[in-house]
All heavy atoms as atom14 arrays in JSON, in Angstrom:
{
  "sequence": "ETMALMRTMVDSGELAELVPERVWQELRRALASERPSAFLR",
  "atom14_mask": [
    [1, 1, 1, 1, 1, 1, 1, 1, 1, 0, 0, 0, 0, 0],
    [1, 1, 1, 1, 1, 1, 1, 0, 0, 0, 0, 0, 0, 0],
    [1, 1, 1, 1, 1, 1, 1, 1, 0, 0, 0, 0, 0, 0],
    [1, 1, 1, 1, 1, 0, 0, 0, 0, 0, 0, 0, 0, 0],
    [1, 1, 1, 1, 1, 1, 1, 1, 0, 0, 0, 0, 0, 0],
    [1, 1, 1, 1, 1, 1, 1, 1, 0, 0, 0, 0, 0, 0],
    [1, 1, 1, 1, 1, 1, 1, 1, 1, 1, 1, 0, 0, 0],
    [1, 1, 1, 1, 1, 1, 1, 0, 0, 0, 0, 0, 0, 0],
    [1, 1, 1, 1, 1, 1, 1, 1, 0, 0, 0, 0, 0, 0],
    [1, 1, 1, 1, 1, 1, 1, 0, 0, 0, 0, 0, 0, 0],
    [1, 1, 1, 1, 1, 1, 1, 1, 0, 0, 0, 0, 0, 0],
    [1, 1, 1, 1, 1, 1, 0, 0, 0, 0, 0, 0, 0, 0],
    [1, 1, 1, 1, 0, 0, 0, 0, 0, 0, 0, 0, 0, 0],
    [1, 1, 1, 1, 1, 1, 1, 1, 1, 0, 0, 0, 0, 0],
    [1, 1, 1, 1, 1, 1, 1, 1, 0, 0, 0, 0, 0, 0],
    [1, 1, 1, 1, 1, 0, 0, 0, 0, 0, 0, 0, 0, 0],
    [1, 1, 1, 1, 1, 1, 1, 1, 1, 0, 0, 0, 0, 0],
    [1, 1, 1, 1, 1, 1, 1, 1, 0, 0, 0, 0, 0, 0],
    [1, 1, 1, 1, 1, 1, 1, 0, 0, 0, 0, 0, 0, 0],
    [1, 1, 1, 1, 1, 1, 1, 0, 0, 0, 0, 0, 0, 0],
    [1, 1, 1, 1, 1, 1, 1, 1, 1, 0, 0, 0, 0, 0],
    [1, 1, 1, 1, 1, 1, 1, 1, 1, 1, 1, 0, 0, 0],
    [1, 1, 1, 1, 1, 1, 1, 0, 0, 0, 0, 0, 0, 0],
    [1, 1, 1, 1, 1, 1, 1, 1, 1, 1, 1, 1, 1, 1],
    [1, 1, 1, 1, 1, 1, 1, 1, 1, 0, 0, 0, 0, 0],
    [1, 1, 1, 1, 1, 1, 1, 1, 1, 0, 0, 0, 0, 0],
    [1, 1, 1, 1, 1, 1, 1, 1, 0, 0, 0, 0, 0, 0],
    [1, 1, 1, 1, 1, 1, 1, 1, 1, 1, 1, 0, 0, 0],
    [1, 1, 1, 1, 1, 1, 1, 1, 1, 1, 1, 0, 0, 0],
    [1, 1, 1, 1, 1, 0, 0, 0, 0, 0, 0, 0, 0, 0],
    [1, 1, 1, 1, 1, 1, 1, 1, 0, 0, 0, 0, 0, 0],
    [1, 1, 1, 1, 1, 0, 0, 0, 0, 0, 0, 0, 0, 0],
    [1, 1, 1, 1, 1, 1, 0, 0, 0, 0, 0, 0, 0, 0],
    [1, 1, 1, 1, 1, 1, 1, 1, 1, 0, 0, 0, 0, 0],
    [1, 1, 1, 1, 1, 1, 1, 1, 1, 1, 1, 0, 0, 0],
    [1, 1, 1, 1, 1, 1, 1, 0, 0, 0, 0, 0, 0, 0],
    [1, 1, 1, 1, 1, 1, 0, 0, 0, 0, 0, 0, 0, 0],
    [1, 1, 1, 1, 1, 0, 0, 0, 0, 0, 0, 0, 0, 0],
    [1, 1, 1, 1, 1, 1, 1, 1, 1, 1, 1, 0, 0, 0],
    [1, 1, 1, 1, 1, 1, 1, 1, 0, 0, 0, 0, 0, 0],
    [1, 1, 1, 1, 1, 1, 1, 1, 1, 1, 1, 0, 0, 0]
  ],
  "atom14_positions": [
    [[-66.56, 92.18, 210.13], [-66.23, 93.48, 210.61], [-64.79, 93.82, 210.69], [-64.34, 95.03, 210.57], [-67.0, 93.71, 212.01], [-66.51, 92.97, 213.21], [-67.26, 91.51, 213.23], [-67.71, 91.13, 212.2], [-67.26, 90.99, 214.4], [0.0, 0.0, 0.0], [0.0, 0.0, 0.0], [0.0, 0.0, 0.0], [0.0, 0.0, 0.0], [0.0, 0.0, 0.0]],
    [[-64.05, 92.81, 211.02], [-62.52, 93.04, 211.23], [-61.91, 93.32, 209.73], [-61.16, 94.19, 209.4], [-61.8, 91.96, 211.76], [-62.37, 91.73, 213.07], [-60.31, 92.1, 211.89], [0.0, 0.0, 0.0], [0.0, 0.0, 0.0], [0.0, 0.0, 0.0], [0.0, 0.0, 0.0], [0.0, 0.0, 0.0], [0.0, 0.0, 0.0], [0.0, 0.0, 0.0]],
    [[-62.49, 92.46, 208.67], [-62.02, 92.72, 207.29], [-62.34, 94.13, 206.85], [-61.57, 94.85, 206.19], [-62.59, 91.68, 206.41], [-62.09, 91.82, 204.85], [-60.34, 91.5, 204.71], [-60.2, 89.79, 204.99], [0.0, 0.0, 0.0], [0.0, 0.0, 0.0], [0.0, 0.0, 0.0], [0.0, 0.0, 0.0], [0.0, 0.0, 0.0], [0.0, 0.0, 0.0]],
    [[-63.49, 94.54, 207.21], [-64.0, 95.9, 206.8], [-63.1, 96.95, 207.38], [-62.8, 97.93, 206.76], [-65.51, 96.07, 207.22], [0.0, 0.0, 0.0], [0.0, 0.0, 0.0], [0.0, 0.0, 0.0], [0.0, 0.0, 0.0], [0.0, 0.0, 0.0], [0.0, 0.0, 0.0], [0.0, 0.0, 0.0], [0.0, 0.0, 0.0], [0.0, 0.0, 0.0]],
    [[-62.71, 96.76, 208.68], [-61.81, 97.77, 209.42], [-60.58, 97.67, 208.69], [-60.06, 98.89, 208.49], [-61.79, 97.29, 210.79], [-61.38, 98.41, 211.83], [-62.4, 99.59, 211.73], [-61.27, 97.88, 213.24], [0.0, 0.0, 0.0], [0.0, 0.0, 0.0], [0.0, 0.0, 0.0], [0.0, 0.0, 0.0], [0.0, 0.0, 0.0], [0.0, 0.0, 0.0]],
    [[-60.03, 96.53, 208.25], [-58.71, 96.51, 207.56], [-58.67, 97.15, 206.39], [-57.69, 97.79, 205.94], [-58.24, 94.98, 207.41], [-57.92, 94.37, 208.74], [-57.9, 92.49, 208.66], [-56.78, 92.16, 207.33], [0.0, 0.0, 0.0], [0.0, 0.0, 0.0], [0.0, 0.0, 0.0], [0.0, 0.0, 0.0], [0.0, 0.0, 0.0], [0.0, 0.0, 0.0]],
    [[-59.77, 97.13, 205.56], [-59.92, 98.01, 204.36], [-59.91, 99.32, 204.54], [-59.27, 100.23, 203.88], [-61.24, 97.52, 203.73], [-61.3, 96.14, 203.05], [-62.46, 95.85, 202.1], [-62.49, 94.44, 201.66], [-63.3, 93.52, 202.17], [-64.25, 93.85, 203.11], [-63.34, 92.27, 201.82], [0.0, 0.0, 0.0], [0.0, 0.0, 0.0], [0.0, 0.0, 0.0]],
    [[-60.59, 99.82, 205.63], [-60.56, 101.37, 206.04], [-59.18, 101.64, 206.35], [-58.63, 102.69, 206.01], [-61.4, 101.38, 207.25], [-62.74, 101.01, 206.84], [-61.44, 102.98, 207.71], [0.0, 0.0, 0.0], [0.0, 0.0, 0.0], [0.0, 0.0, 0.0], [0.0, 0.0, 0.0], [0.0, 0.0, 0.0], [0.0, 0.0, 0.0], [0.0, 0.0, 0.0]],
    [[-58.35, 100.8, 207.09], [-56.93, 101.14, 207.4], [-56.08, 101.33, 206.1], [-55.24, 102.2, 205.97], [-56.46, 100.1, 208.32], [-57.07, 100.05, 209.69], [-56.68, 98.67, 210.76], [-55.0, 99.03, 211.19], [0.0, 0.0, 0.0], [0.0, 0.0, 0.0], [0.0, 0.0, 0.0], [0.0, 0.0, 0.0], [0.0, 0.0, 0.0], [0.0, 0.0, 0.0]],
    [[-56.4, 100.35, 205.21], [-55.56, 100.55, 203.94], [-55.88, 101.88, 203.27], [-54.95, 102.61, 202.77], [-55.98, 99.33, 203.0], [-55.26, 99.48, 201.71], [-55.44, 97.92, 203.7], [0.0, 0.0, 0.0], [0.0, 0.0, 0.0], [0.0, 0.0, 0.0], [0.0, 0.0, 0.0], [0.0, 0.0, 0.0], [0.0, 0.0, 0.0], [0.0, 0.0, 0.0]],
    [[-57.07, 102.15, 203.11], [-57.59, 103.45, 202.54], [-57.08, 104.61, 203.21], [-56.86, 105.6, 202.45], [-59.12, 103.45, 202.44], [-59.64, 102.33, 201.63], [-59.09, 101.84, 200.67], [-60.96, 102.14, 201.76], [0.0, 0.0, 0.0], [0.0, 0.0, 0.0], [0.0, 0.0, 0.0], [0.0, 0.0, 0.0], [0.0, 0.0, 0.0], [0.0, 0.0, 0.0]],
    [[-56.83, 104.54, 204.46], [-56.26, 105.66, 205.19], [-54.84, 106.11, 204.81], [-54.33, 107.19, 205.02], [-56.34, 105.39, 206.71], [-55.25, 104.62, 207.05], [0.0, 0.0, 0.0], [0.0, 0.0, 0.0], [0.0, 0.0, 0.0], [0.0, 0.0, 0.0], [0.0, 0.0, 0.0], [0.0, 0.0, 0.0], [0.0, 0.0, 0.0], [0.0, 0.0, 0.0]],
    [[-54.15, 105.11, 204.14], [-52.72, 105.35, 203.74], [-51.71, 105.08, 204.9], [-50.51, 105.2, 204.55], [0.0, 0.0, 0.0], [0.0, 0.0, 0.0], [0.0, 0.0, 0.0], [0.0, 0.0, 0.0], [0.0, 0.0, 0.0], [0.0, 0.0, 0.0], [0.0, 0.0, 0.0], [0.0, 0.0, 0.0], [0.0, 0.0, 0.0], [0.0, 0.0, 0.0]],
    [[-52.11, 104.7, 206.0], [-51.19, 104.41, 207.09], [-50.28, 103.21, 206.83], [-49.1, 103.21, 207.56], [-51.96, 104.3, 208.39], [-52.37, 105.63, 209.04], [-52.02, 105.7, 210.45], [-51.39, 104.81, 210.95], [-52.44, 106.78, 211.07], [0.0, 0.0, 0.0], [0.0, 0.0, 0.0], [0.0, 0.0, 0.0], [0.0, 0.0, 0.0], [0.0, 0.0, 0.0]],
    [[-50.64, 102.32, 206.06], [-49.73, 101.16, 205.82], [-48.41, 101.71, 205.21], [-47.49, 100.94, 205.41], [-50.32, 100.02, 204.94], [-51.06, 98.92, 205.76], [-52.27, 99.56, 206.53], [-51.39, 97.85, 204.92], [0.0, 0.0, 0.0], [0.0, 0.0, 0.0], [0.0, 0.0, 0.0], [0.0, 0.0, 0.0], [0.0, 0.0, 0.0], [0.0, 0.0, 0.0]],
    [[-48.47, 102.81, 204.47], [-47.27, 103.24, 203.85], [-46.23, 103.72, 204.93], [-45.0, 104.0, 204.66], [-47.67, 104.4, 202.95], [0.0, 0.0, 0.0], [0.0, 0.0, 0.0], [0.0, 0.0, 0.0], [0.0, 0.0, 0.0], [0.0, 0.0, 0.0], [0.0, 0.0, 0.0], [0.0, 0.0, 0.0], [0.0, 0.0, 0.0], [0.0, 0.0, 0.0]],
    [[-46.66, 103.81, 206.23], [-45.75, 104.34, 207.24], [-45.0, 102.99, 207.88], [-44.11, 103.29, 208.61], [-46.53, 104.84, 208.44], [-47.46, 106.08, 208.02], [-46.65, 107.23, 207.73], [-45.59, 107.39, 208.3], [-47.25, 108.07, 207.02], [0.0, 0.0, 0.0], [0.0, 0.0, 0.0], [0.0, 0.0, 0.0], [0.0, 0.0, 0.0], [0.0, 0.0, 0.0]],
    [[-45.23, 101.81, 207.52], [-44.63, 100.63, 207.94], [-43.21, 100.7, 207.5], [-42.95, 100.75, 206.25], [-45.37, 99.41, 207.67], [-46.93, 99.19, 208.15], [-47.41, 98.1, 207.66], [-46.58, 99.0, 209.67], [0.0, 0.0, 0.0], [0.0, 0.0, 0.0], [0.0, 0.0, 0.0], [0.0, 0.0, 0.0], [0.0, 0.0, 0.0], [0.0, 0.0, 0.0]],
    [[-42.33, 100.52, 208.37], [-40.87, 100.38, 207.95], [-40.61, 99.03, 207.23], [-41.22, 98.02, 207.7], [-39.81, 100.58, 209.07], [-40.04, 101.99, 209.67], [-40.08, 99.51, 210.19], [0.0, 0.0, 0.0], [0.0, 0.0, 0.0], [0.0, 0.0, 0.0], [0.0, 0.0, 0.0], [0.0, 0.0, 0.0], [0.0, 0.0, 0.0], [0.0, 0.0, 0.0]],
    [[-39.66, 98.84, 206.37], [-39.48, 97.59, 205.66], [-39.08, 96.49, 206.57], [-39.48, 95.3, 206.29], [-38.21, 97.94, 204.79], [-38.28, 99.51, 204.58], [-38.88, 99.96, 205.82], [0.0, 0.0, 0.0], [0.0, 0.0, 0.0], [0.0, 0.0, 0.0], [0.0, 0.0, 0.0], [0.0, 0.0, 0.0], [0.0, 0.0, 0.0], [0.0, 0.0, 0.0]],
    [[-38.38, 96.72, 207.64], [-37.93, 95.64, 208.5], [-39.13, 94.87, 209.05], [-39.22, 93.62, 209.34], [-37.14, 96.08, 209.66], [-35.65, 96.6, 209.01], [-35.65, 97.99, 208.51], [-36.71, 98.66, 208.53], [-34.53, 98.46, 208.2], [0.0, 0.0, 0.0], [0.0, 0.0, 0.0], [0.0, 0.0, 0.0], [0.0, 0.0, 0.0], [0.0, 0.0, 0.0]],
    [[-40.23, 95.63, 209.48], [-41.4, 95.13, 210.0], [-42.18, 94.35, 209.01], [-42.8, 93.27, 209.41], [-42.33, 96.18, 210.73], [-41.69, 96.86, 211.89], [-41.03, 95.9, 212.93], [-41.97, 95.06, 213.62], [-42.59, 95.46, 214.66], [-42.4, 96.47, 215.32], [-43.69, 94.58, 215.14], [0.0, 0.0, 0.0], [0.0, 0.0, 0.0], [0.0, 0.0, 0.0]],
    [[-42.39, 94.89, 207.81], [-42.96, 94.07, 206.78], [-42.35, 92.85, 206.56], [-42.97, 91.8, 206.52], [-43.1, 94.94, 205.45], [-43.74, 94.15, 204.42], [-43.88, 96.35, 205.83], [0.0, 0.0, 0.0], [0.0, 0.0, 0.0], [0.0, 0.0, 0.0], [0.0, 0.0, 0.0], [0.0, 0.0, 0.0], [0.0, 0.0, 0.0], [0.0, 0.0, 0.0]],
    [[-41.01, 92.81, 206.45], [-40.31, 91.7, 206.18], [-40.43, 90.71, 207.33], [-40.53, 89.49, 207.12], [-38.78, 92.02, 206.09], [-37.92, 90.81, 205.95], [-36.96, 90.41, 206.79], [-37.95, 89.72, 204.94], [-36.32, 89.29, 206.47], [-36.91, 88.78, 205.27], [-38.75, 89.45, 203.79], [-36.77, 87.58, 204.55], [-38.53, 88.31, 203.1], [-37.58, 87.35, 203.35]],
    [[-40.36, 91.14, 208.53], [-40.57, 90.28, 209.73], [-41.89, 89.49, 209.55], [-41.95, 88.28, 209.88], [-40.45, 91.07, 211.01], [-40.59, 90.28, 212.26], [-40.51, 91.04, 213.46], [-40.92, 92.24, 213.64], [-39.81, 90.6, 214.45], [0.0, 0.0, 0.0], [0.0, 0.0, 0.0], [0.0, 0.0, 0.0], [0.0, 0.0, 0.0], [0.0, 0.0, 0.0]],
    [[-42.98, 90.17, 209.34], [-44.23, 89.64, 209.2], [-44.28, 88.65, 207.95], [-44.91, 87.58, 208.12], [-45.46, 90.49, 209.22], [-45.47, 91.43, 210.42], [-45.9, 90.69, 211.64], [-46.65, 89.77, 211.5], [-45.46, 91.08, 212.67], [0.0, 0.0, 0.0], [0.0, 0.0, 0.0], [0.0, 0.0, 0.0], [0.0, 0.0, 0.0], [0.0, 0.0, 0.0]],
    [[-43.75, 88.96, 206.89], [-43.73, 88.15, 205.69], [-42.94, 86.93, 205.98], [-43.4, 85.86, 205.59], [-43.26, 88.94, 204.46], [-42.96, 88.17, 203.24], [-44.24, 87.61, 202.71], [-42.24, 89.02, 202.22], [0.0, 0.0, 0.0], [0.0, 0.0, 0.0], [0.0, 0.0, 0.0], [0.0, 0.0, 0.0], [0.0, 0.0, 0.0], [0.0, 0.0, 0.0]],
    [[-41.8, 87.08, 206.48], [-40.87, 85.95, 206.85], [-41.62, 84.86, 207.8], [-41.6, 83.64, 207.41], [-39.65, 86.37, 207.43], [-38.39, 85.35, 207.61], [-37.32, 86.06, 208.1], [-36.09, 85.14, 207.87], [-34.86, 85.47, 208.14], [-34.64, 86.73, 208.44], [-33.87, 84.66, 207.98], [0.0, 0.0, 0.0], [0.0, 0.0, 0.0], [0.0, 0.0, 0.0]],
    [[-42.34, 85.33, 208.82], [-42.99, 84.38, 209.65], [-44.18, 83.83, 208.96], [-44.39, 82.52, 209.28], [-43.44, 85.28, 210.91], [-42.33, 85.58, 211.75], [-42.7, 86.54, 212.83], [-43.34, 85.69, 213.88], [-43.84, 86.35, 215.06], [-43.67, 87.61, 215.23], [-44.48, 85.57, 215.98], [0.0, 0.0, 0.0], [0.0, 0.0, 0.0], [0.0, 0.0, 0.0]],
    [[-44.86, 84.53, 208.03], [-45.99, 83.82, 207.29], [-45.46, 82.85, 206.35], [-46.18, 81.81, 206.16], [-46.74, 85.1, 206.48], [0.0, 0.0, 0.0], [0.0, 0.0, 0.0], [0.0, 0.0, 0.0], [0.0, 0.0, 0.0], [0.0, 0.0, 0.0], [0.0, 0.0, 0.0], [0.0, 0.0, 0.0], [0.0, 0.0, 0.0], [0.0, 0.0, 0.0]],
    [[-44.29, 83.09, 205.76], [-43.77, 82.02, 204.69], [-43.32, 80.92, 205.44], [-43.24, 79.83, 204.81], [-42.66, 82.74, 204.12], [-43.05, 83.73, 202.94], [-41.87, 84.49, 202.48], [-43.95, 83.3, 201.85], [0.0, 0.0, 0.0], [0.0, 0.0, 0.0], [0.0, 0.0, 0.0], [0.0, 0.0, 0.0], [0.0, 0.0, 0.0], [0.0, 0.0, 0.0]],
    [[-43.03, 80.99, 206.72], [-42.53, 79.72, 207.47], [-43.78, 79.07, 208.18], [-43.58, 78.07, 208.8], [-41.71, 80.21, 208.57], [0.0, 0.0, 0.0], [0.0, 0.0, 0.0], [0.0, 0.0, 0.0], [0.0, 0.0, 0.0], [0.0, 0.0, 0.0], [0.0, 0.0, 0.0], [0.0, 0.0, 0.0], [0.0, 0.0, 0.0], [0.0, 0.0, 0.0]],
    [[-44.97, 79.61, 207.96], [-46.24, 78.97, 208.41], [-46.7, 77.77, 207.55], [-46.15, 77.67, 206.47], [-47.39, 79.94, 208.68], [-46.79, 81.02, 209.59], [0.0, 0.0, 0.0], [0.0, 0.0, 0.0], [0.0, 0.0, 0.0], [0.0, 0.0, 0.0], [0.0, 0.0, 0.0], [0.0, 0.0, 0.0], [0.0, 0.0, 0.0], [0.0, 0.0, 0.0]],
    [[-47.8, 77.2, 208.12], [-48.28, 76.08, 207.29], [-49.09, 76.47, 206.03], [-49.01, 75.72, 205.04], [-49.23, 75.34, 208.25], [-49.9, 73.97, 207.62], [-50.58, 73.31, 208.56], [-50.69, 73.67, 209.67], [-51.28, 72.27, 208.16], [0.0, 0.0, 0.0], [0.0, 0.0, 0.0], [0.0, 0.0, 0.0], [0.0, 0.0, 0.0], [0.0, 0.0, 0.0]],
    [[-49.72, 77.66, 205.96], [-50.51, 78.08, 204.88], [-50.21, 79.47, 204.54], [-50.99, 80.44, 204.76], [-52.03, 77.85, 205.16], [-52.83, 77.94, 203.85], [-54.32, 77.76, 204.22], [-54.53, 76.37, 204.47], [-55.78, 76.0, 204.8], [-56.92, 76.7, 204.75], [-55.98, 74.67, 204.98], [0.0, 0.0, 0.0], [0.0, 0.0, 0.0], [0.0, 0.0, 0.0]],
    [[-49.15, 79.85, 203.78], [-48.84, 81.02, 203.44], [-49.76, 81.7, 202.43], [-49.96, 82.88, 202.46], [-47.4, 80.92, 202.71], [-46.83, 79.75, 203.28], [-48.07, 78.77, 203.54], [0.0, 0.0, 0.0], [0.0, 0.0, 0.0], [0.0, 0.0, 0.0], [0.0, 0.0, 0.0], [0.0, 0.0, 0.0], [0.0, 0.0, 0.0], [0.0, 0.0, 0.0]],
    [[-50.44, 80.92, 201.72], [-51.62, 81.34, 200.79], [-52.53, 82.32, 201.59], [-53.13, 83.17, 201.08], [-52.3, 80.34, 200.15], [-52.98, 79.4, 201.05], [0.0, 0.0, 0.0], [0.0, 0.0, 0.0], [0.0, 0.0, 0.0], [0.0, 0.0, 0.0], [0.0, 0.0, 0.0], [0.0, 0.0, 0.0], [0.0, 0.0, 0.0], [0.0, 0.0, 0.0]],
    [[-52.93, 81.91, 202.87], [-53.84, 82.68, 203.62], [-53.33, 84.02, 203.89], [-54.16, 85.09, 203.99], [-54.13, 81.92, 204.9], [0.0, 0.0, 0.0], [0.0, 0.0, 0.0], [0.0, 0.0, 0.0], [0.0, 0.0, 0.0], [0.0, 0.0, 0.0], [0.0, 0.0, 0.0], [0.0, 0.0, 0.0], [0.0, 0.0, 0.0], [0.0, 0.0, 0.0]],
    [[-52.12, 84.17, 204.03], [-51.49, 85.67, 204.27], [-51.66, 86.28, 203.06], [-52.08, 87.49, 203.22], [-49.97, 85.35, 204.58], [-49.26, 86.62, 204.77], [-49.12, 87.3, 205.92], [-48.49, 87.15, 203.57], [-48.46, 88.5, 206.14], [-47.74, 88.34, 203.84], [-47.69, 88.88, 204.96], [0.0, 0.0, 0.0], [0.0, 0.0, 0.0], [0.0, 0.0, 0.0]],
    [[-51.37, 85.84, 201.85], [-51.47, 86.5, 200.71], [-52.86, 86.86, 200.32], [-53.2, 88.02, 200.0], [-50.86, 85.74, 199.5], [-49.49, 85.34, 199.58], [-49.0, 84.47, 198.42], [-48.49, 86.71, 199.55], [0.0, 0.0, 0.0], [0.0, 0.0, 0.0], [0.0, 0.0, 0.0], [0.0, 0.0, 0.0], [0.0, 0.0, 0.0], [0.0, 0.0, 0.0]],
    [[-53.8, 85.92, 200.53], [-55.29, 86.03, 200.18], [-55.79, 87.09, 201.17], [-56.67, 87.98, 200.61], [-55.93, 84.77, 200.37], [-57.38, 84.87, 200.1], [-57.83, 85.33, 198.75], [-57.32, 84.53, 197.55], [-57.71, 84.71, 196.29], [-58.31, 85.59, 195.93], [-57.16, 83.85, 195.42], [0.0, 0.0, 0.0], [0.0, 0.0, 0.0], [0.0, 0.0, 0.0]]
  ]
}
């Protein structure tokens, strides 16, 4: 149900509102984690 909600959020177009710095912050922390593939997948 969470994945379904996330798809709805993507479809709404609101992710385009994210500022680059916040996207980079989350990406950077994911790449420093044990399994970055799970972030991408």
